[in-house]
Amino acid sequence: MANKEASVAELTNLFESSTAVLLTEYRGLTVAQLKQLRTSIREDASYAVVKNTLTKIAANNAGITAFDEDLKGPSAIAFVHGDPVAVAKALRDFAKANPLLVVKGGYFDGKPLTAEEVGKLADLESREVLLAKLAGAFKASLFGAAYLFNAPLSKAVRTVDALREKQESAA
């Protein structure tokens, strides 16, 4: 009994400290395949095989009721502490290579996610790519502004130069 209470407390802590939680079913996967999946998401998440009843209690303790219906069969959860998009992509890619892995749903930013929404999350660009695109947009805006500020000056210089040439040719 004390062991189960400790497991519930640990799972509750994982739910509360995670930026996102992704629920999967791993029926039929080998230990080696699960190890490969854990390795692929290690940088941004921890992946744990969980007991459904204890997980439901822990999730409810953390204020998450999204998994109550999905906690059936062999379940494993990716507790995300890094980039949720990267973890969703890794799970999607692993599921393509190993169709026995099924993403059941998730919980992100205070809202439950369906399996389809987790797929849409995986389709997003990574944080680094989005930041690079934003930086590129800012840089382009700055170059555009610099061009606009310089255009009247260069036009004035060309006009003065044309007037000077006209006066020289007239004289």
N, C-alpha and C. Protein backbone atom coordinates (compact mmCIF):
# COMPACT_ATOMS: atom_id res chain seq x y z
N MET A 1 0.83 -1.20 0.00
CA MET A 1 0.00 0.00 0.00
C MET A 1 0.87 1.26 0.00
N ALA A 2 1.91 1.26 0.80
CA ALA A 2 2.81 2.42 0.86
C ALA A 2 3.52 2.61 -0.48
N ASN A 3 3.84 1.48 -1.13
CA ASN A 3 4.50 1.53 -2.43
C ASN A 3 3.59 2.19 -3.47
N LYS A 4 2.30 1.86 -3.44
CA LYS A 4 1.34 2.45 -4.37
C LYS A 4 1.17 3.93 -4.10
N GLU A 5 1.13 4.33 -2.82
CA GLU A 5 1.00 5.74 -2.48
C GLU A 5 2.22 6.52 -2.96
N ALA A 6 3.39 5.92 -2.85
CA ALA A 6 4.61 6.57 -3.34
C ALA A 6 4.57 6.71 -4.86
N SER A 7 4.07 5.68 -5.54
CA SER A 7 3.95 5.73 -7.01
C SER A 7 2.97 6.82 -7.43
N VAL A 8 1.85 6.93 -6.73
CA VAL A 8 0.86 7.96 -7.05
C VAL A 8 1.46 9.34 -6.82
N ALA A 9 2.19 9.51 -5.72
CA ALA A 9 2.81 10.81 -5.42
C ALA A 9 3.84 11.17 -6.49
N GLU A 10 4.63 10.20 -6.93
CA GLU A 10 5.64 10.44 -7.96
C GLU A 10 4.96 10.80 -9.30
N LEU A 11 3.92 10.07 -9.66
CA LEU A 11 3.21 10.37 -10.90
C LEU A 11 2.52 11.74 -10.84
N THR A 12 1.94 12.07 -9.69
CA THR A 12 1.31 13.38 -9.52
C THR A 12 2.34 14.48 -9.72
N ASN A 13 3.53 14.29 -9.14
CA ASN A 13 4.61 15.26 -9.31
C ASN A 13 5.01 15.39 -10.78
N LEU A 14 5.09 14.27 -11.49
CA LEU A 14 5.42 14.31 -12.92
C LEU A 14 4.36 15.04 -13.73
N PHE A 15 3.09 14.80 -13.41
CA PHE A 15 2.01 15.51 -14.10
C PHE A 15 2.11 17.01 -13.87
N GLU A 16 2.37 17.40 -12.62
CA GLU A 16 2.40 18.83 -12.28
C GLU A 16 3.62 19.55 -12.84
N SER A 17 4.74 18.85 -12.96
CA SER A 17 5.97 19.49 -13.40
C SER A 17 6.19 19.44 -14.92
N SER A 18 5.34 18.74 -15.63
CA SER A 18 5.51 18.58 -17.08
C SER A 18 4.83 19.72 -17.83
N THR A 19 5.46 20.14 -18.94
CA THR A 19 4.84 21.16 -19.79
C THR A 19 3.75 20.54 -20.65
N ALA A 20 3.87 19.26 -20.93
CA ALA A 20 2.85 18.53 -21.69
C ALA A 20 2.95 17.06 -21.31
N VAL A 21 1.86 16.34 -21.55
CA VAL A 21 1.81 14.91 -21.27
C VAL A 21 1.17 14.24 -22.48
N LEU A 22 1.82 13.20 -23.01
CA LEU A 22 1.30 12.49 -24.18
C LEU A 22 1.08 11.02 -23.82
N LEU A 23 -0.15 10.54 -23.98
CA LEU A 23 -0.53 9.18 -23.61
C LEU A 23 -0.46 8.27 -24.82
N THR A 24 0.19 7.13 -24.66
CA THR A 24 0.32 6.17 -25.75
C THR A 24 -0.06 4.77 -25.29
N GLU A 25 -0.33 3.92 -26.28
CA GLU A 25 -0.51 2.49 -26.01
C GLU A 25 0.62 1.78 -26.74
N TYR A 26 1.28 0.88 -26.02
CA TYR A 26 2.48 0.24 -26.57
C TYR A 26 2.30 -1.26 -26.79
N ARG A 27 1.10 -1.73 -26.85
CA ARG A 27 0.82 -3.17 -26.97
C ARG A 27 1.59 -3.79 -28.14
N GLY A 28 2.40 -4.81 -27.84
CA GLY A 28 3.12 -5.54 -28.88
C GLY A 28 4.53 -5.04 -29.14
N LEU A 29 4.94 -3.94 -28.55
CA LEU A 29 6.31 -3.46 -28.76
C LEU A 29 7.27 -4.23 -27.87
N THR A 30 8.46 -4.44 -28.38
CA THR A 30 9.48 -5.16 -27.61
C THR A 30 10.18 -4.18 -26.66
N VAL A 31 10.91 -4.73 -25.73
CA VAL A 31 11.70 -3.92 -24.79
C VAL A 31 12.73 -3.10 -25.56
N ALA A 32 13.33 -3.69 -26.58
CA ALA A 32 14.32 -2.98 -27.38
C ALA A 32 13.69 -1.78 -28.10
N GLN A 33 12.49 -1.96 -28.62
CA GLN A 33 11.80 -0.86 -29.30
C GLN A 33 11.45 0.26 -28.33
N LEU A 34 10.99 -0.11 -27.13
CA LEU A 34 10.69 0.90 -26.11
C LEU A 34 11.95 1.66 -25.70
N LYS A 35 13.06 0.94 -25.63
CA LYS A 35 14.33 1.59 -25.28
C LYS A 35 14.73 2.57 -26.39
N GLN A 36 14.52 2.18 -27.63
CA GLN A 36 14.82 3.06 -28.77
C GLN A 36 13.96 4.32 -28.70
N LEU A 37 12.67 4.16 -28.37
CA LEU A 37 11.77 5.31 -28.26
C LEU A 37 12.21 6.22 -27.12
N ARG A 38 12.53 5.65 -25.98
CA ARG A 38 13.00 6.45 -24.85
C ARG A 38 14.25 7.25 -25.22
N THR A 39 15.15 6.62 -25.94
CA THR A 39 16.39 7.29 -26.35
C THR A 39 16.09 8.45 -27.29
N SER A 40 15.11 8.28 -28.17
CA SER A 40 14.82 9.32 -29.16
C SER A 40 14.18 10.57 -28.53
N ILE A 41 13.52 10.42 -27.38
CA ILE A 41 12.87 11.58 -26.77
C ILE A 41 13.53 12.00 -25.45
N ARG A 42 14.62 11.37 -25.10
CA ARG A 42 15.27 11.59 -23.80
C ARG A 42 15.58 13.07 -23.53
N GLU A 43 15.95 13.82 -24.55
CA GLU A 43 16.35 15.21 -24.37
C GLU A 43 15.19 16.09 -23.91
N ASP A 44 13.97 15.78 -24.36
CA ASP A 44 12.82 16.63 -24.07
C ASP A 44 11.75 15.98 -23.18
N ALA A 45 11.85 14.69 -22.92
CA ALA A 45 10.79 14.02 -22.17
C ALA A 45 11.30 12.73 -21.53
N SER A 46 10.53 12.27 -20.56
CA SER A 46 10.76 10.93 -20.01
C SER A 46 9.55 10.09 -20.38
N TYR A 47 9.78 8.82 -20.69
CA TYR A 47 8.72 7.94 -21.16
C TYR A 47 8.59 6.80 -20.16
N ALA A 48 7.41 6.66 -19.58
CA ALA A 48 7.23 5.67 -18.52
C ALA A 48 6.01 4.80 -18.80
N VAL A 49 6.19 3.50 -18.61
CA VAL A 49 5.08 2.57 -18.64
C VAL A 49 4.38 2.71 -17.29
N VAL A 50 3.05 2.88 -17.32
CA VAL A 50 2.32 3.20 -16.10
C VAL A 50 1.17 2.23 -15.86
N LYS A 51 0.77 2.14 -14.59
CA LYS A 51 -0.42 1.39 -14.23
C LYS A 51 -1.62 2.32 -14.36
N ASN A 52 -2.65 1.86 -15.03
CA ASN A 52 -3.78 2.72 -15.37
C ASN A 52 -4.49 3.30 -14.15
N THR A 53 -4.77 2.47 -13.15
CA THR A 53 -5.51 2.93 -11.98
C THR A 53 -4.71 3.98 -11.21
N LEU A 54 -3.43 3.72 -10.98
CA LEU A 54 -2.59 4.67 -10.26
C LEU A 54 -2.42 5.96 -11.05
N THR A 55 -2.31 5.83 -12.36
CA THR A 55 -2.16 7.01 -13.22
C THR A 55 -3.42 7.86 -13.19
N LYS A 56 -4.58 7.22 -13.20
CA LYS A 56 -5.84 7.97 -13.15
C LYS A 56 -5.93 8.74 -11.84
N ILE A 57 -5.56 8.12 -10.74
CA ILE A 57 -5.58 8.80 -9.44
C ILE A 57 -4.61 9.97 -9.44
N ALA A 58 -3.39 9.74 -9.94
CA ALA A 58 -2.38 10.80 -9.96
C ALA A 58 -2.79 11.95 -10.86
N ALA A 59 -3.35 11.64 -12.03
CA ALA A 59 -3.79 12.69 -12.94
C ALA A 59 -4.91 13.52 -12.31
N ASN A 60 -5.85 12.85 -11.65
CA ASN A 60 -6.93 13.57 -10.98
C ASN A 60 -6.39 14.43 -9.85
N ASN A 61 -5.39 13.94 -9.13
CA ASN A 61 -4.75 14.73 -8.08
C ASN A 61 -4.12 16.00 -8.65
N ALA A 62 -3.61 15.90 -9.89
CA ALA A 62 -2.98 17.04 -10.54
C ALA A 62 -4.00 17.91 -11.28
N GLY A 63 -5.28 17.53 -11.20
CA GLY A 63 -6.34 18.33 -11.84
C GLY A 63 -6.57 17.99 -13.31
N ILE A 64 -6.10 16.82 -13.74
CA ILE A 64 -6.25 16.41 -15.14
C ILE A 64 -7.22 15.23 -15.21
N THR A 65 -8.34 15.45 -15.88
CA THR A 65 -9.33 14.37 -16.02
C THR A 65 -9.42 13.90 -17.47
N ALA A 66 -8.54 14.40 -18.32
CA ALA A 66 -8.61 14.10 -19.76
C ALA A 66 -8.33 12.63 -20.07
N PHE A 67 -7.61 11.95 -19.20
CA PHE A 67 -7.20 10.58 -19.50
C PHE A 67 -8.11 9.51 -18.92
N ASP A 68 -9.16 9.90 -18.22
CA ASP A 68 -10.00 8.93 -17.54
C ASP A 68 -10.55 7.86 -18.48
N GLU A 69 -10.94 8.24 -19.70
CA GLU A 69 -11.52 7.28 -20.65
C GLU A 69 -10.44 6.53 -21.44
N ASP A 70 -9.27 7.13 -21.59
CA ASP A 70 -8.22 6.54 -22.43
C ASP A 70 -7.29 5.58 -21.70
N LEU A 71 -7.37 5.53 -20.39
CA LEU A 71 -6.48 4.67 -19.63
C LEU A 71 -7.01 3.23 -19.60
N LYS A 72 -6.86 2.58 -20.74
CA LYS A 72 -7.25 1.18 -20.89
C LYS A 72 -6.15 0.49 -21.67
N GLY A 73 -5.89 -0.75 -21.34
CA GLY A 73 -4.84 -1.48 -22.04
C GLY A 73 -3.46 -1.05 -21.55
N PRO A 74 -2.43 -1.56 -22.20
CA PRO A 74 -1.06 -1.21 -21.78
C PRO A 74 -0.76 0.25 -22.13
N SER A 75 -0.57 1.08 -21.12
CA SER A 75 -0.38 2.51 -21.32
C SER A 75 1.02 2.96 -20.92
N ALA A 76 1.51 3.93 -21.67
CA ALA A 76 2.78 4.57 -21.34
C ALA A 76 2.60 6.06 -21.60
N ILE A 77 3.31 6.85 -20.80
CA ILE A 77 3.15 8.31 -20.90
C ILE A 77 4.50 8.96 -21.12
N ALA A 78 4.49 9.94 -22.04
CA ALA A 78 5.67 10.78 -22.25
C ALA A 78 5.43 12.06 -21.44
N PHE A 79 6.21 12.25 -20.38
CA PHE A 79 6.14 13.45 -19.57
C PHE A 79 7.14 14.45 -20.15
N VAL A 80 6.63 15.49 -20.79
CA VAL A 80 7.47 16.43 -21.53
C VAL A 80 7.98 17.52 -20.61
N HIS A 81 9.30 17.70 -20.58
CA HIS A 81 9.90 18.79 -19.81
C HIS A 81 10.64 19.75 -20.72
N GLY A 82 10.64 19.47 -22.03
CA GLY A 82 11.30 20.33 -23.01
C GLY A 82 10.31 20.80 -24.06
N ASP A 83 10.65 20.61 -25.31
CA ASP A 83 9.84 21.06 -26.44
C ASP A 83 8.74 20.02 -26.76
N PRO A 84 7.47 20.35 -26.53
CA PRO A 84 6.39 19.40 -26.81
C PRO A 84 6.29 19.04 -28.29
N VAL A 85 6.63 19.97 -29.18
CA VAL A 85 6.55 19.71 -30.62
C VAL A 85 7.56 18.63 -31.00
N ALA A 86 8.77 18.72 -30.45
CA ALA A 86 9.80 17.73 -30.76
C ALA A 86 9.40 16.34 -30.29
N VAL A 87 8.79 16.26 -29.11
CA VAL A 87 8.35 14.96 -28.59
C VAL A 87 7.20 14.41 -29.44
N ALA A 88 6.26 15.26 -29.80
CA ALA A 88 5.14 14.81 -30.64
C ALA A 88 5.66 14.31 -31.99
N LYS A 89 6.64 15.01 -32.57
CA LYS A 89 7.24 14.57 -33.83
C LYS A 89 7.93 13.21 -33.66
N ALA A 90 8.68 13.06 -32.57
CA ALA A 90 9.39 11.80 -32.34
C ALA A 90 8.41 10.65 -32.18
N LEU A 91 7.33 10.88 -31.44
CA LEU A 91 6.32 9.82 -31.28
C LEU A 91 5.65 9.49 -32.61
N ARG A 92 5.33 10.52 -33.40
CA ARG A 92 4.71 10.29 -34.71
C ARG A 92 5.65 9.49 -35.62
N ASP A 93 6.92 9.89 -35.66
CA ASP A 93 7.88 9.21 -36.52
C ASP A 93 8.09 7.76 -36.07
N PHE A 94 8.16 7.57 -34.74
CA PHE A 94 8.33 6.21 -34.23
C PHE A 94 7.09 5.36 -34.55
N ALA A 95 5.91 5.95 -34.45
CA ALA A 95 4.67 5.22 -34.75
C ALA A 95 4.58 4.85 -36.23
N LYS A 96 5.16 5.70 -37.10
CA LYS A 96 5.18 5.35 -38.53
C LYS A 96 6.05 4.12 -38.77
N ALA A 97 7.19 4.07 -38.09
CA ALA A 97 8.10 2.94 -38.24
C ALA A 97 7.61 1.71 -37.48
N ASN A 98 6.87 1.93 -36.39
CA ASN A 98 6.37 0.84 -35.54
C ASN A 98 4.87 1.07 -35.30
N PRO A 99 4.02 0.56 -36.17
CA PRO A 99 2.58 0.84 -36.09
C PRO A 99 1.91 0.34 -34.81
N LEU A 100 2.62 -0.45 -34.02
CA LEU A 100 2.02 -0.93 -32.77
C LEU A 100 1.93 0.17 -31.72
N LEU A 101 2.71 1.23 -31.87
CA LEU A 101 2.61 2.37 -30.95
C LEU A 101 1.44 3.24 -31.40
N VAL A 102 0.52 3.48 -30.49
CA VAL A 102 -0.67 4.29 -30.79
C VAL A 102 -0.70 5.47 -29.83
N VAL A 103 -0.76 6.67 -30.39
CA VAL A 103 -0.91 7.87 -29.55
C VAL A 103 -2.40 8.03 -29.27
N LYS A 104 -2.76 8.01 -27.99
CA LYS A 104 -4.17 8.09 -27.60
C LYS A 104 -4.63 9.52 -27.37
N GLY A 105 -3.73 10.37 -26.91
CA GLY A 105 -4.12 11.75 -26.60
C GLY A 105 -3.03 12.43 -25.82
N GLY A 106 -3.38 13.57 -25.27
CA GLY A 106 -2.40 14.32 -24.52
C GLY A 106 -3.03 15.42 -23.70
N TYR A 107 -2.17 16.17 -23.05
CA TYR A 107 -2.58 17.30 -22.23
C TYR A 107 -1.49 18.35 -22.36
N PHE A 108 -1.88 19.53 -22.86
CA PHE A 108 -0.90 20.58 -23.12
C PHE A 108 -1.51 21.94 -22.86
N ASP A 109 -0.80 22.78 -22.14
CA ASP A 109 -1.21 24.16 -21.89
C ASP A 109 -2.59 24.23 -21.23
N GLY A 110 -2.83 23.30 -20.29
CA GLY A 110 -4.09 23.33 -19.55
C GLY A 110 -5.29 22.76 -20.28
N LYS A 111 -5.06 22.15 -21.45
CA LYS A 111 -6.18 21.63 -22.23
C LYS A 111 -5.90 20.20 -22.68
N PRO A 112 -6.93 19.36 -22.71
CA PRO A 112 -6.75 18.00 -23.24
C PRO A 112 -6.59 18.03 -24.75
N LEU A 113 -5.82 17.08 -25.27
CA LEU A 113 -5.61 16.95 -26.71
C LEU A 113 -6.09 15.58 -27.17
N THR A 114 -6.74 15.54 -28.33
CA THR A 114 -7.08 14.26 -28.93
C THR A 114 -5.85 13.76 -29.69
N ALA A 115 -5.93 12.53 -30.18
CA ALA A 115 -4.83 11.98 -30.95
C ALA A 115 -4.58 12.81 -32.21
N GLU A 116 -5.65 13.32 -32.83
CA GLU A 116 -5.51 14.14 -34.03
C GLU A 116 -4.80 15.46 -33.70
N GLU A 117 -5.13 16.04 -32.55
CA GLU A 117 -4.50 17.29 -32.15
C GLU A 117 -3.02 17.09 -31.83
N VAL A 118 -2.68 15.93 -31.29
CA VAL A 118 -1.26 15.62 -31.07
C VAL A 118 -0.55 15.53 -32.41
N GLY A 119 -1.23 14.95 -33.42
CA GLY A 119 -0.67 14.90 -34.77
C GLY A 119 -0.45 16.29 -35.34
N LYS A 120 -1.40 17.20 -35.11
CA LYS A 120 -1.25 18.58 -35.58
C LYS A 120 -0.09 19.26 -34.86
N LEU A 121 0.07 18.96 -33.58
CA LEU A 121 1.20 19.51 -32.82
C LEU A 121 2.51 19.03 -33.42
N ALA A 122 2.54 17.79 -33.85
CA ALA A 122 3.75 17.23 -34.47
C ALA A 122 4.04 17.88 -35.82
N ASP A 123 3.00 18.40 -36.49
CA ASP A 123 3.19 19.03 -37.79
C ASP A 123 3.76 20.44 -37.69
N LEU A 124 3.73 21.03 -36.49
CA LEU A 124 4.28 22.38 -36.32
C LEU A 124 5.79 22.38 -36.52
N GLU A 125 6.30 23.55 -36.86
CA GLU A 125 7.75 23.72 -36.95
C GLU A 125 8.32 23.69 -35.54
N SER A 126 9.58 23.32 -35.41
CA SER A 126 10.20 23.32 -34.08
C SER A 126 10.41 24.76 -33.61
N ARG A 127 10.64 24.91 -32.34
CA ARG A 127 10.82 26.24 -31.74
C ARG A 127 11.96 26.99 -32.41
N GLU A 128 13.05 26.30 -32.66
CA GLU A 128 14.23 26.93 -33.25
C GLU A 128 13.93 27.44 -34.66
N VAL A 129 13.19 26.65 -35.45
CA VAL A 129 12.85 27.06 -36.82
C VAL A 129 11.93 28.28 -36.79
N LEU A 130 10.94 28.28 -35.89
CA LEU A 130 10.04 29.42 -35.79
C LEU A 130 10.79 30.68 -35.36
N LEU A 131 11.72 30.54 -34.42
CA LEU A 131 12.51 31.69 -33.99
C LEU A 131 13.40 32.21 -35.12
N ALA A 132 13.95 31.30 -35.91
CA ALA A 132 14.79 31.71 -37.04
C ALA A 132 13.95 32.45 -38.08
N LYS A 133 12.74 31.97 -38.34
CA LYS A 133 11.87 32.66 -39.29
C LYS A 133 11.49 34.05 -38.78
N LEU A 134 11.23 34.14 -37.48
CA LEU A 134 10.90 35.44 -36.89
C LEU A 134 12.09 36.40 -37.00
N ALA A 135 13.28 35.90 -36.71
CA ALA A 135 14.48 36.73 -36.83
C ALA A 135 14.67 37.19 -38.27
N GLY A 136 14.44 36.31 -39.22
CA GLY A 136 14.55 36.67 -40.63
C GLY A 136 13.54 37.74 -41.02
N ALA A 137 12.34 37.64 -40.49
CA ALA A 137 11.31 38.64 -40.79
C ALA A 137 11.71 40.00 -40.21
N PHE A 138 12.25 40.00 -38.98
CA PHE A 138 12.71 41.25 -38.38
C PHE A 138 13.85 41.86 -39.19
N LYS A 139 14.77 41.01 -39.62
CA LYS A 139 15.92 41.49 -40.40
C LYS A 139 15.44 42.11 -41.72
N ALA A 140 14.51 41.44 -42.38
CA ALA A 140 13.97 41.97 -43.63
C ALA A 140 13.27 43.31 -43.40
N SER A 141 12.54 43.42 -42.30
CA SER A 141 11.87 44.68 -41.98
C SER A 141 12.87 45.80 -41.75
N LEU A 142 13.96 45.48 -41.06
CA LEU A 142 14.99 46.49 -40.80
C LEU A 142 15.66 46.94 -42.09
N PHE A 143 15.96 45.99 -42.99
CA PHE A 143 16.57 46.36 -44.27
C PHE A 143 15.61 47.22 -45.08
N GLY A 144 14.33 46.88 -45.05
CA GLY A 144 13.33 47.68 -45.76
C GLY A 144 13.26 49.09 -45.21
N ALA A 145 13.29 49.22 -43.89
CA ALA A 145 13.25 50.54 -43.27
C ALA A 145 14.50 51.33 -43.63
N ALA A 146 15.66 50.68 -43.58
CA ALA A 146 16.91 51.37 -43.94
C ALA A 146 16.86 51.84 -45.38
N TYR A 147 16.32 51.03 -46.27
CA TYR A 147 16.21 51.43 -47.67
C TYR A 147 15.30 52.65 -47.81
N LEU A 148 14.18 52.64 -47.09
CA LEU A 148 13.25 53.77 -47.18
C LEU A 148 13.89 55.06 -46.66
N PHE A 149 14.68 54.94 -45.60
CA PHE A 149 15.34 56.13 -45.06
C PHE A 149 16.44 56.64 -46.00
N ASN A 150 17.11 55.72 -46.67
CA ASN A 150 18.20 56.11 -47.56
C ASN A 150 17.72 56.57 -48.93
N ALA A 151 16.55 56.14 -49.35
CA ALA A 151 16.04 56.47 -50.69
C ALA A 151 15.93 57.98 -50.92
N PRO A 152 15.34 58.76 -50.03
CA PRO A 152 15.26 60.21 -50.29
C PRO A 152 16.64 60.86 -50.38
N LEU A 153 17.58 60.39 -49.55
CA LEU A 153 18.93 60.96 -49.60
C LEU A 153 19.60 60.66 -50.93
N SER A 154 19.50 59.42 -51.38
CA SER A 154 20.15 59.08 -52.65
C SER A 154 19.47 59.79 -53.81
N LYS A 155 18.16 59.97 -53.72
CA LYS A 155 17.44 60.69 -54.77
C LYS A 155 17.90 62.16 -54.80
N ALA A 156 18.07 62.75 -53.63
CA ALA A 156 18.54 64.13 -53.55
C ALA A 156 19.95 64.25 -54.13
N VAL A 157 20.81 63.29 -53.82
CA VAL A 157 22.18 63.31 -54.34
C VAL A 157 22.15 63.19 -55.85
N ARG A 158 21.33 62.31 -56.40
CA ARG A 158 21.23 62.16 -57.85
C ARG A 158 20.70 63.45 -58.50
N THR A 159 19.73 64.08 -57.86
CA THR A 159 19.17 65.32 -58.39
C THR A 159 20.22 66.43 -58.41
N VAL A 160 20.95 66.59 -57.30
CA VAL A 160 22.01 67.60 -57.23
C VAL A 160 23.09 67.31 -58.26
N ASP A 161 23.44 66.05 -58.43
CA ASP A 161 24.46 65.65 -59.41
C ASP A 161 23.99 65.97 -60.82
N ALA A 162 22.70 65.71 -61.12
CA ALA A 162 22.14 66.02 -62.45
C ALA A 162 22.14 67.53 -62.69
N LEU A 163 21.79 68.32 -61.67
CA LEU A 163 21.82 69.78 -61.81
C LEU A 163 23.24 70.29 -62.05
N ARG A 164 24.21 69.71 -61.33
CA ARG A 164 25.60 70.10 -61.50
C ARG A 164 26.08 69.81 -62.91
N GLU A 165 25.74 68.61 -63.42
CA GLU A 165 26.13 68.24 -64.79
C GLU A 165 25.48 69.15 -65.81
N LYS A 166 24.21 69.54 -65.57
CA LYS A 166 23.49 70.42 -66.49
C LYS A 166 24.15 71.80 -66.52
N GLN A 167 24.55 72.31 -65.34
CA GLN A 167 25.19 73.61 -65.27
C GLN A 167 26.57 73.57 -65.96
N GLU A 168 27.27 72.47 -65.75
CA GLU A 168 28.61 72.34 -66.37
C GLU A 168 28.48 72.28 -67.90
N SER A 169 27.48 71.60 -68.39
CA SER A 169 27.31 71.49 -69.85
C SER A 169 26.78 72.82 -70.43
N ALA A 170 26.04 73.60 -69.65
CA ALA A 170 25.53 74.87 -70.11
C ALA A 170 26.63 75.94 -70.13
N ALA A 171 27.62 75.79 -69.28
CA ALA A 171 28.66 76.79 -69.18
C ALA A 171 29.77 76.60 -70.15
